[in-house]
Amino acid sequence: MTYLELSEDDGGSHKFYEVIVSGAQVTITYGRIGEAGQTKVAGFPTEAKAQAAAAKKISDKIRKGYAPAVRGVRQRRAITRRAVTSSRSTARQAPVLWRFASGAAAFGIFVDAERCWVGNQRGDAYTVTHSGTVTNQYRLPDGVKCIVADDFWIYAGCDDGRVYDLSGKVPRAAYEIAADVDIYWLDIRDGILGVSDRAGRITTIDYEDEFQWARTGRGDSAWMVRCDQDSVYHGHSNGIARYDASDGTLVWENASAGGVLFGWQEQRSVYAGTARHTVHRLAKDDGRTEAVYQCDGYVYSCATSPGGRHVFAGDSYSSVYCFDASGKRLWKLATGCGSALSMQFLDDRLYIVTTDGTLACIDASEAAIAAAREGTVPQPVDVKAAATLTPVEPSVVVETTTHAGEGVVVECTREGDRLRVRVASPGYERWNVQFPKEIREEGARYLVDGVRPSGRGGFYRAYGDIRRLL
């Protein structure tokens, strides 16, 4: 038996690799340190061939930086589950059109023109149509911190320290965060990942899953990170700061929005929900406070309608609010399903995920809100996932094919101590491709549905299904 570990101080890896040879059989177990991992068993014609295959696997891992270790000395990464309180609202009921019980407290939400995503602390992620039909379920290895979108790529950040790409049929790990980072929140823009953590740090990781820079804020419990083309906005217990996205240079700080619990952004402003029962709107250019929106409890989440015309908030008393841009409160209503931990507005509907794990769709049109304030609301539809819905789990197994079809061929080559992936099909620049590290094999060629250049330029991002070309 050979047991190896790779735990980098800044690169993010925190993995083990175990090889056991028993006669002509080789058993390989690998995964995150402190977890059970995945196991593969292979048989060989002779004991000598089994020993040779095992030696090659071990040599490959040592070349990549793995080293002999003793199981149990290094511990699993630290995980903080957000402690929240949720009381019942005394406000009138909001007009909830439908609600889906995901099964555990939920922080992850993303809504686009096609569907709604919800991810909960049990590691379950679902897609639900706008009319309230569950279409997919993904079972991730650990609790979902958040769900974020980057162009049409969808990512789920999880407590196991990985960020999973949910854009294909099978979730695949796209980023791996250093073991000493106790993740609180994540955001992504053009392939650059921003991570805020318990210690009040902000860390950025590039599209190749390589560390870029890190800064420590003037507070802790950093629940807010928002990324745009040029900057990273970081909120913690003592306020908000803006950093240059390229090198981490501090641009400004604002301590007025202390006790930040959530963050949102529009083109020219960032919004922070706070433990002071407020939402603060800050100008992106210089950090000045533009408006303050007063709630009646801790603000766990906030969002805006396009352009910031209306500002929405969810508090610790299971209420949701709407304000005009200047800060005037327009209404306050009860969710009926717990406190909103995250939210998003789209097409006159406010979508929330809550402390009891519900994804709820609220009719936020003027007519529906006016009726609700008078006590008239629709009977919400309780959405159920079909019993035949099979959860899809992450995998490092790659389907094979002998026909390139209409896809794009990429190839994996060694560059120093790194495996890089580049496009091999004609008509493309020889840029690197963002590609899952766990399935890279030197010399292998893969077929992907397509690649797109990043908005920042200089690299491609693969999308769709991945198959290995034989």
Protein backbone atom coordinates (compact mmCIF):
# COMPACT_ATOMS: atom_id res chain seq x y z
CA MET A 1 0.00 0.00 0.00
CA THR A 2 1.25 3.47 -0.93
CA TYR A 3 -0.47 6.56 0.48
CA LEU A 4 0.31 10.03 -0.93
CA GLU A 5 -1.00 13.54 -0.27
CA LEU A 6 -0.83 16.86 -2.07
CA SER A 7 -1.61 19.88 0.13
CA GLU A 8 -0.42 23.19 -1.31
CA ASP A 9 -0.22 26.39 0.74
CA ASP A 10 -1.42 28.63 -2.08
CA GLY A 11 -2.45 26.45 -4.98
CA GLY A 12 -5.58 25.05 -3.44
CA SER A 13 -4.95 21.31 -3.67
CA HIS A 14 -5.77 19.20 -0.61
CA LYS A 15 -5.93 15.65 -1.96
CA PHE A 16 -4.85 12.09 -1.21
CA TYR A 17 -4.03 9.18 -3.51
CA GLU A 18 -3.79 5.61 -2.26
CA VAL A 19 -2.62 2.59 -4.27
CA ILE A 20 -3.03 -0.98 -3.01
CA VAL A 21 -1.64 -3.96 -4.95
CA SER A 22 -3.08 -7.35 -4.09
CA GLY A 23 -1.88 -10.09 -6.40
CA ALA A 24 -2.87 -9.09 -9.93
CA GLN A 25 -5.36 -6.49 -8.72
CA VAL A 26 -4.74 -2.76 -8.20
CA THR A 27 -7.11 -0.67 -6.06
CA ILE A 28 -6.81 3.10 -6.31
CA THR A 29 -8.63 5.44 -3.92
CA TYR A 30 -8.42 9.21 -4.28
CA GLY A 31 -10.20 12.36 -3.18
CA ARG A 32 -10.12 15.20 -0.69
CA ILE A 33 -8.08 14.70 2.48
CA GLY A 34 -10.37 13.65 5.33
CA GLU A 35 -13.03 12.22 3.01
CA ALA A 36 -13.73 8.66 1.84
CA GLY A 37 -12.93 9.48 -1.78
CA GLN A 38 -13.63 7.42 -4.90
CA THR A 39 -12.29 3.93 -5.57
CA LYS A 40 -11.32 2.21 -8.81
CA VAL A 41 -10.28 -1.45 -9.11
CA ALA A 42 -8.36 -2.84 -12.09
CA GLY A 43 -7.27 -6.39 -12.84
CA PHE A 44 -4.11 -7.37 -14.73
CA PRO A 45 -2.90 -10.61 -16.36
CA THR A 46 -0.01 -11.06 -13.91
CA GLU A 47 1.22 -9.76 -10.57
CA ALA A 48 4.23 -8.23 -12.32
CA LYS A 49 2.00 -6.18 -14.64
CA ALA A 50 -0.08 -5.05 -11.68
CA GLN A 51 3.06 -3.92 -9.85
CA ALA A 52 4.29 -2.07 -12.95
CA ALA A 53 0.95 -0.29 -13.44
CA ALA A 54 0.87 0.74 -9.77
CA ALA A 55 4.45 2.02 -9.93
CA LYS A 56 3.60 4.16 -12.96
CA LYS A 57 0.57 5.66 -11.21
CA ILE A 58 2.62 6.47 -8.12
CA SER A 59 5.45 7.96 -10.20
CA ASP A 60 2.98 10.19 -12.08
CA LYS A 61 1.54 11.51 -8.82
CA ILE A 62 4.95 12.16 -7.26
CA ARG A 63 5.95 14.11 -10.38
CA LYS A 64 2.86 16.27 -9.86
CA GLY A 65 3.89 17.11 -6.30
CA TYR A 66 2.31 14.35 -4.22
CA ALA A 67 4.45 13.03 -1.35
CA PRO A 68 4.27 10.05 1.04
CA ALA A 69 2.14 10.83 4.10
CA VAL A 70 0.36 9.24 7.04
CA ARG A 71 -3.40 9.11 6.78
CA GLY A 72 -5.14 11.18 9.45
CA VAL A 73 -2.34 13.63 10.23
CA ARG A 74 -3.73 16.31 7.93
CA GLN A 75 -7.36 17.09 8.64
CA ARG A 76 -10.30 17.84 6.44
CA ARG A 77 -10.73 21.49 5.48
CA ALA A 78 -12.58 23.75 7.92
CA ILE A 79 -16.25 24.29 7.17
CA THR A 80 -18.51 26.90 8.74
CA ARG A 81 -22.22 26.46 8.32
CA ARG A 82 -23.91 29.84 8.59
CA ALA A 83 -25.79 30.18 11.87
CA VAL A 84 -29.01 32.07 11.26
CA THR A 85 -32.14 32.71 13.26
CA SER A 86 -35.52 32.98 11.64
CA SER A 87 -38.70 34.21 13.32
CA ARG A 88 -42.21 34.33 11.99
CA SER A 89 -43.29 37.53 10.27
CA THR A 90 -46.23 39.57 11.55
CA ALA A 91 -46.76 41.19 8.14
CA ARG A 92 -49.47 40.19 5.67
CA GLN A 93 -48.70 37.23 3.42
CA ALA A 94 -46.86 37.84 0.13
CA PRO A 95 -48.47 36.54 -3.09
CA VAL A 96 -46.50 33.29 -3.49
CA LEU A 97 -47.32 31.60 -6.81
CA TRP A 98 -45.47 28.34 -6.16
CA ARG A 99 -42.96 26.89 -3.73
CA PHE A 100 -40.59 23.93 -3.83
CA ALA A 101 -39.21 22.32 -0.67
CA SER A 102 -35.61 21.33 -1.43
CA GLY A 103 -35.13 19.52 1.88
CA ALA A 104 -32.55 21.68 3.70
CA ALA A 105 -31.70 25.33 4.30
CA ALA A 106 -30.79 26.92 0.98
CA PHE A 107 -28.37 29.74 0.11
CA GLY A 108 -27.86 28.98 -3.57
CA ILE A 109 -30.11 30.58 -6.17
CA PHE A 110 -29.77 31.65 -9.76
CA VAL A 111 -32.57 32.61 -12.12
CA ASP A 112 -32.35 33.22 -15.87
CA ALA A 113 -34.80 33.29 -18.75
CA GLU A 114 -34.94 29.49 -18.93
CA ARG A 115 -35.05 28.18 -15.36
CA CYS A 116 -34.41 28.64 -11.64
CA TRP A 117 -31.60 26.96 -9.72
CA VAL A 118 -31.64 26.17 -6.02
CA GLY A 119 -28.82 24.58 -3.98
CA ASN A 120 -29.10 23.58 -0.33
CA GLN A 121 -26.85 22.68 2.60
CA ARG A 122 -27.36 18.97 1.97
CA GLY A 123 -25.60 19.29 -1.39
CA ASP A 124 -28.72 18.98 -3.53
CA ALA A 125 -29.15 21.32 -6.50
CA TYR A 126 -32.32 21.44 -8.57
CA THR A 127 -33.54 23.20 -11.69
CA VAL A 128 -37.16 24.35 -11.73
CA THR A 129 -39.06 25.98 -14.60
CA HIS A 130 -40.65 29.38 -14.12
CA SER A 131 -44.04 27.68 -14.07
CA GLY A 132 -42.94 25.38 -11.23
CA THR A 133 -41.78 22.04 -12.67
CA VAL A 134 -38.64 20.32 -11.36
CA THR A 135 -36.53 19.29 -14.35
CA ASN A 136 -33.14 18.18 -12.94
CA GLN A 137 -31.45 17.21 -9.70
CA TYR A 138 -27.70 17.21 -8.99
CA ARG A 139 -26.22 15.63 -5.87
CA LEU A 140 -22.99 17.39 -4.93
CA PRO A 141 -20.54 16.08 -2.31
CA ASP A 142 -21.18 18.78 0.28
CA GLY A 143 -23.42 21.75 1.11
CA VAL A 144 -23.93 24.40 -1.57
CA LYS A 145 -22.69 27.85 -0.50
CA CYS A 146 -23.96 29.66 -3.56
CA ILE A 147 -24.85 29.31 -7.24
CA VAL A 148 -23.35 31.85 -9.63
CA ALA A 149 -23.39 32.37 -13.39
CA ASP A 150 -20.61 33.53 -15.70
CA ASP A 151 -22.07 34.14 -19.15
CA PHE A 152 -24.01 30.89 -19.69
CA TRP A 153 -21.81 28.76 -17.41
CA ILE A 154 -23.42 27.85 -14.08
CA TYR A 155 -21.24 27.14 -11.06
CA ALA A 156 -22.05 25.79 -7.59
CA GLY A 157 -19.59 26.59 -4.79
CA CYS A 158 -19.60 23.86 -2.14
CA ASP A 159 -18.39 23.26 1.39
CA ASP A 160 -15.89 20.66 0.13
CA GLY A 161 -13.81 23.51 -1.30
CA ARG A 162 -14.67 22.86 -4.90
CA VAL A 163 -16.64 24.88 -7.41
CA TYR A 164 -18.60 22.63 -9.77
CA ASP A 165 -19.50 23.46 -13.36
CA LEU A 166 -23.15 22.47 -13.83
CA SER A 167 -23.31 23.44 -17.51
CA GLY A 168 -22.99 19.88 -18.86
CA LYS A 169 -24.88 16.68 -18.19
CA VAL A 170 -22.45 15.73 -15.40
CA PRO A 171 -21.10 18.18 -12.77
CA ARG A 172 -17.33 18.57 -12.97
CA ALA A 173 -14.96 20.34 -10.59
CA ALA A 174 -13.77 23.58 -12.19
CA TYR A 175 -11.96 25.18 -9.22
CA GLU A 176 -10.44 23.90 -6.02
CA ILE A 177 -9.92 26.29 -3.11
CA ALA A 178 -7.03 26.10 -0.66
CA ALA A 179 -7.69 24.01 2.43
CA ASP A 180 -7.01 26.88 4.83
CA VAL A 181 -9.81 28.98 3.29
CA ASP A 182 -13.05 28.61 5.26
CA ILE A 183 -15.35 29.66 2.42
CA TYR A 184 -18.24 32.02 3.09
CA TRP A 185 -19.16 33.21 -0.41
CA LEU A 186 -18.01 33.13 -4.04
CA ASP A 187 -18.50 35.06 -7.25
CA ILE A 188 -17.04 34.73 -10.73
CA ARG A 189 -16.49 36.94 -13.76
CA ASP A 190 -14.81 35.93 -17.04
CA GLY A 191 -13.36 32.85 -15.42
CA ILE A 192 -11.78 34.70 -12.47
CA LEU A 193 -13.14 33.37 -9.17
CA GLY A 194 -13.40 35.54 -6.06
CA VAL A 195 -13.62 33.81 -2.65
CA SER A 196 -14.44 35.52 0.65
CA ASP A 197 -13.90 33.67 3.90
CA ARG A 198 -14.37 33.49 7.64
CA ALA A 199 -11.08 35.27 8.38
CA GLY A 200 -12.13 38.31 6.34
CA ARG A 201 -9.86 37.57 3.40
CA ILE A 202 -10.55 37.87 -0.30
CA THR A 203 -8.77 35.47 -2.65
CA THR A 204 -8.87 35.29 -6.45
CA ILE A 205 -8.22 32.21 -8.59
CA ASP A 206 -7.83 32.23 -12.37
CA TYR A 207 -9.45 30.09 -15.05
CA GLU A 208 -6.62 27.52 -14.77
CA ASP A 209 -7.47 27.06 -11.07
CA GLU A 210 -4.27 28.88 -10.08
CA PHE A 211 -3.93 31.33 -7.20
CA GLN A 212 -3.77 35.01 -8.25
CA TRP A 213 -3.76 37.21 -5.15
CA ALA A 214 -5.21 37.49 -1.65
CA ARG A 215 -5.90 40.41 0.68
CA THR A 216 -7.05 40.57 4.29
CA GLY A 217 -9.80 43.05 5.06
CA ARG A 218 -10.22 45.09 8.24
CA GLY A 219 -12.91 42.74 9.54
CA ASP A 220 -13.85 39.07 9.59
CA SER A 221 -16.87 36.99 8.51
CA ALA A 222 -16.72 38.10 4.88
CA TRP A 223 -20.16 37.21 3.53
CA MET A 224 -19.90 39.42 0.45
CA VAL A 225 -17.86 39.13 -2.72
CA ARG A 226 -19.01 40.53 -6.06
CA CYS A 227 -16.88 40.65 -9.20
CA ASP A 228 -17.17 42.82 -12.29
CA GLN A 229 -14.92 43.39 -15.27
CA ASP A 230 -12.40 45.55 -13.40
CA SER A 231 -12.91 45.07 -9.66
CA VAL A 232 -13.72 42.80 -6.75
CA TYR A 233 -16.06 44.14 -4.02
CA HIS A 234 -15.54 42.59 -0.59
CA GLY A 235 -17.84 43.00 2.42
CA HIS A 236 -17.12 41.85 5.98
CA SER A 237 -17.87 42.70 9.62
CA ASN A 238 -16.39 46.20 9.34
CA GLY A 239 -17.52 47.40 5.94
CA ILE A 240 -16.83 47.07 2.22
CA ALA A 241 -13.70 47.47 0.11
CA ARG A 242 -13.03 47.58 -3.61
CA TYR A 243 -9.92 45.91 -5.06
CA ASP A 244 -8.48 46.01 -8.55
CA ALA A 245 -9.28 42.67 -10.15
CA SER A 246 -5.92 42.32 -11.87
CA ASP A 247 -3.52 42.74 -8.93
CA GLY A 248 -5.54 43.25 -5.74
CA THR A 249 -4.69 46.94 -5.28
CA LEU A 250 -7.04 48.56 -2.75
CA VAL A 251 -9.16 51.22 -4.49
CA TRP A 252 -11.43 52.36 -1.63
CA GLU A 253 -12.97 51.33 1.69
CA ASN A 254 -16.27 52.28 3.34
CA ALA A 255 -16.90 51.36 6.98
CA SER A 256 -20.44 52.76 7.14
CA ALA A 257 -21.97 49.45 6.03
CA GLY A 258 -20.50 47.38 8.88
CA GLY A 259 -21.72 43.88 9.68
CA VAL A 260 -22.23 42.92 6.01
CA LEU A 261 -24.30 39.73 5.59
CA PHE A 262 -24.96 39.74 1.84
CA GLY A 263 -23.94 41.56 -1.31
CA TRP A 264 -25.50 42.49 -4.65
CA GLN A 265 -24.36 44.62 -7.56
CA GLU A 266 -25.66 46.67 -10.45
CA GLN A 267 -23.62 48.36 -13.16
CA ARG A 268 -22.72 51.47 -11.10
CA SER A 269 -23.53 50.46 -7.52
CA VAL A 270 -23.01 47.70 -4.99
CA TYR A 271 -25.56 46.82 -2.30
CA ALA A 272 -24.86 45.36 1.14
CA GLY A 273 -27.41 43.81 3.49
CA THR A 274 -26.24 44.25 7.09
CA ALA A 275 -26.74 43.16 10.67
CA ARG A 276 -27.72 46.77 11.34
CA HIS A 277 -31.13 46.10 9.72
CA THR A 278 -30.15 48.07 6.61
CA VAL A 279 -29.23 47.76 2.97
CA HIS A 280 -26.53 50.21 1.90
CA ARG A 281 -26.04 51.30 -1.70
CA LEU A 282 -22.48 52.38 -2.49
CA ALA A 283 -21.11 53.97 -5.65
CA LYS A 284 -18.66 51.68 -7.40
CA ASP A 285 -16.40 54.50 -8.54
CA ASP A 286 -15.52 56.02 -5.16
CA GLY A 287 -17.36 54.01 -2.47
CA ARG A 288 -19.58 56.85 -1.25
CA THR A 289 -22.92 55.92 0.34
CA GLU A 290 -25.72 56.73 -2.12
CA ALA A 291 -28.76 55.47 -0.16
CA VAL A 292 -29.73 53.46 2.93
CA TYR A 293 -32.78 51.18 3.03
CA GLN A 294 -34.16 50.52 6.52
CA CYS A 295 -35.57 47.09 7.45
CA ASP A 296 -36.80 45.68 10.77
CA GLY A 297 -34.35 42.79 11.25
CA TYR A 298 -30.99 41.42 10.15
CA VAL A 299 -30.84 41.62 6.35
CA TYR A 300 -29.85 38.18 5.07
CA SER A 301 -30.34 38.96 1.38
CA CYS A 302 -31.03 41.71 -1.11
CA ALA A 303 -31.53 42.20 -4.84
CA THR A 304 -32.70 44.84 -7.31
CA SER A 305 -34.87 45.20 -10.34
CA PRO A 306 -32.97 46.21 -13.53
CA GLY A 307 -30.97 49.39 -13.06
CA GLY A 308 -31.72 49.50 -9.32
CA ARG A 309 -35.18 51.00 -9.83
CA HIS A 310 -36.49 48.92 -6.94
CA VAL A 311 -34.50 47.36 -4.09
CA PHE A 312 -35.66 44.16 -2.40
CA ALA A 313 -34.52 42.73 0.94
CA GLY A 314 -35.16 39.69 3.10
CA ASP A 315 -34.82 39.83 6.89
CA SER A 316 -34.49 37.47 9.86
CA TYR A 317 -38.22 37.77 10.58
CA SER A 318 -39.31 35.96 7.40
CA SER A 319 -40.31 39.23 5.72
CA VAL A 320 -39.47 40.61 2.29
CA TYR A 321 -39.34 44.32 1.51
CA CYS A 322 -39.46 46.56 -1.52
CA PHE A 323 -38.01 50.11 -1.65
CA ASP A 324 -37.76 52.69 -4.38
CA ALA A 325 -34.28 53.76 -5.45
CA SER A 326 -34.18 56.69 -3.03
CA GLY A 327 -34.82 54.52 0.04
CA LYS A 328 -38.57 54.89 0.54
CA ARG A 329 -40.18 51.65 1.76
CA LEU A 330 -43.01 50.64 -0.57
CA TRP A 331 -44.09 47.40 1.10
CA LYS A 332 -43.27 44.64 3.57
CA LEU A 333 -44.85 41.19 3.35
CA ALA A 334 -44.34 37.73 4.89
CA THR A 335 -42.76 34.87 2.94
CA GLY A 336 -44.71 32.18 4.78
CA CYS A 337 -41.75 29.80 4.33
CA GLY A 338 -38.86 31.13 6.41
CA SER A 339 -36.30 33.91 6.02
CA ALA A 340 -34.89 34.60 2.57
CA LEU A 341 -31.17 33.70 2.55
CA SER A 342 -30.75 34.65 -1.13
CA MET A 343 -33.00 36.22 -3.73
CA GLN A 344 -33.25 37.35 -7.33
CA PHE A 345 -35.76 39.45 -9.27
CA LEU A 346 -36.82 38.70 -12.85
CA ASP A 347 -39.84 39.80 -14.91
CA ASP A 348 -42.01 41.06 -12.03
CA ARG A 349 -41.26 37.99 -9.94
CA LEU A 350 -39.12 37.78 -6.82
CA TYR A 351 -37.49 34.38 -6.34
CA ILE A 352 -36.20 33.50 -2.87
CA VAL A 353 -34.53 30.56 -1.14
CA THR A 354 -35.07 30.28 2.58
CA THR A 355 -34.03 28.94 5.96
CA ASP A 356 -36.42 26.00 5.64
CA GLY A 357 -35.06 25.09 2.18
CA THR A 358 -37.90 26.49 0.09
CA LEU A 359 -37.50 27.99 -3.36
CA ALA A 360 -40.48 30.31 -3.68
CA CYS A 361 -41.76 32.42 -6.56
CA ILE A 362 -43.45 35.65 -5.42
CA ASP A 363 -45.61 37.71 -7.78
CA ALA A 364 -44.09 41.19 -7.34
CA SER A 365 -46.29 42.95 -9.90
CA GLU A 366 -48.03 46.11 -8.69
CA ALA A 367 -51.50 44.53 -8.94
CA ALA A 368 -50.53 41.39 -6.99
CA ILE A 369 -48.76 43.38 -4.27
CA ALA A 370 -51.69 45.79 -3.92
CA ALA A 371 -54.06 42.85 -3.48
CA ALA A 372 -51.73 41.19 -0.96
CA ARG A 373 -51.57 44.36 1.13
CA GLU A 374 -55.36 44.16 1.33
CA GLY A 375 -55.19 40.51 2.37
CA THR A 376 -55.92 38.78 -0.96
CA VAL A 377 -53.29 36.29 -2.17
CA PRO A 378 -53.38 33.23 -4.43
CA GLN A 379 -53.18 29.69 -3.09
CA PRO A 380 -49.53 28.71 -3.69
CA VAL A 381 -48.81 25.54 -5.67
CA ASP A 382 -46.62 23.07 -3.78
CA VAL A 383 -44.15 21.78 -6.35
CA LYS A 384 -42.85 18.21 -6.03
CA ALA A 385 -39.93 16.52 -7.73
CA ALA A 386 -40.97 13.44 -9.68
CA ALA A 387 -40.14 10.15 -7.97
CA THR A 388 -38.43 9.04 -11.18
CA LEU A 389 -35.99 11.97 -11.14
CA THR A 390 -32.49 10.49 -10.77
CA PRO A 391 -29.87 12.69 -9.08
CA VAL A 392 -26.74 13.28 -11.18
CA GLU A 393 -23.47 13.16 -9.25
CA PRO A 394 -20.05 14.59 -10.15
CA SER A 395 -17.78 12.19 -11.98
CA VAL A 396 -14.23 11.92 -13.28
CA VAL A 397 -15.27 9.18 -15.71
CA VAL A 398 -15.21 10.37 -19.31
CA GLU A 399 -17.25 8.80 -22.08
CA THR A 400 -15.29 7.80 -25.17
CA THR A 401 -15.93 8.25 -28.87
CA THR A 402 -14.14 7.58 -32.14
CA HIS A 403 -15.99 10.21 -34.13
CA ALA A 404 -15.29 13.94 -33.77
CA GLY A 405 -18.64 14.90 -35.28
CA GLU A 406 -19.36 18.61 -35.04
CA GLY A 407 -17.55 19.17 -31.76
CA VAL A 408 -14.25 20.88 -31.01
CA VAL A 409 -11.15 18.78 -30.39
CA VAL A 410 -8.84 19.80 -27.55
CA GLU A 411 -5.58 18.17 -26.53
CA CYS A 412 -3.76 17.82 -23.23
CA THR A 413 0.00 18.45 -23.18
CA ARG A 414 2.62 18.87 -20.47
CA GLU A 415 4.14 22.30 -19.95
CA GLY A 416 6.74 22.12 -17.19
CA ASP A 417 5.01 20.61 -14.16
CA ARG A 418 1.52 21.50 -15.41
CA LEU A 419 -0.88 19.80 -17.78
CA ARG A 420 -2.38 22.31 -20.19
CA VAL A 421 -5.29 21.93 -22.59
CA ARG A 422 -5.37 23.69 -25.97
CA VAL A 423 -7.67 23.61 -28.99
CA ALA A 424 -6.52 21.22 -31.71
CA SER A 425 -9.33 21.88 -34.20
CA PRO A 426 -8.40 24.28 -37.02
CA GLY A 427 -9.56 27.89 -36.98
CA TYR A 428 -8.83 28.63 -33.30
CA GLU A 429 -6.08 30.51 -31.51
CA ARG A 430 -3.59 28.36 -29.60
CA TRP A 431 -4.93 29.53 -26.27
CA ASN A 432 -5.28 27.48 -23.12
CA VAL A 433 -8.72 26.04 -22.41
CA GLN A 434 -10.44 26.03 -19.04
CA PHE A 435 -10.84 22.30 -18.54
CA PRO A 436 -11.45 20.08 -15.47
CA LYS A 437 -8.12 19.13 -13.91
CA GLU A 438 -9.29 15.77 -12.61
CA ILE A 439 -9.85 14.30 -16.08
CA ARG A 440 -6.70 15.66 -17.76
CA GLU A 441 -4.36 12.98 -19.05
CA GLU A 442 -1.13 13.78 -20.86
CA GLY A 443 -1.39 13.11 -24.59
CA ALA A 444 -5.16 12.65 -24.51
CA ARG A 445 -7.49 14.34 -26.99
CA TYR A 446 -11.04 15.24 -26.02
CA LEU A 447 -14.17 16.26 -27.87
CA VAL A 448 -16.25 19.07 -26.37
CA ASP A 449 -19.48 20.55 -27.67
CA GLY A 450 -17.77 23.92 -28.12
CA VAL A 451 -15.41 26.55 -26.76
CA ARG A 452 -15.87 30.27 -26.27
CA PRO A 453 -13.25 32.96 -25.68
CA SER A 454 -13.41 34.66 -22.31
CA GLY A 455 -14.47 38.28 -22.16
CA ARG A 456 -11.02 39.07 -20.76
CA GLY A 457 -9.39 37.37 -23.78
CA GLY A 458 -6.44 35.03 -23.93
CA PHE A 459 -8.16 31.73 -23.16
CA TYR A 460 -11.14 29.60 -24.12
CA ARG A 461 -13.72 27.98 -21.93
CA ALA A 462 -15.15 24.60 -22.88
CA TYR A 463 -18.87 24.04 -22.62
CA GLY A 464 -21.22 21.11 -22.96
CA ASP A 465 -20.34 17.43 -22.70
CA ILE A 466 -16.80 16.06 -22.70
CA ARG A 467 -15.80 12.80 -24.42
CA ARG A 468 -12.38 11.29 -24.92
CA LEU A 469 -11.33 10.61 -28.51
CA LEU A 470 -9.98 7.10 -29.01
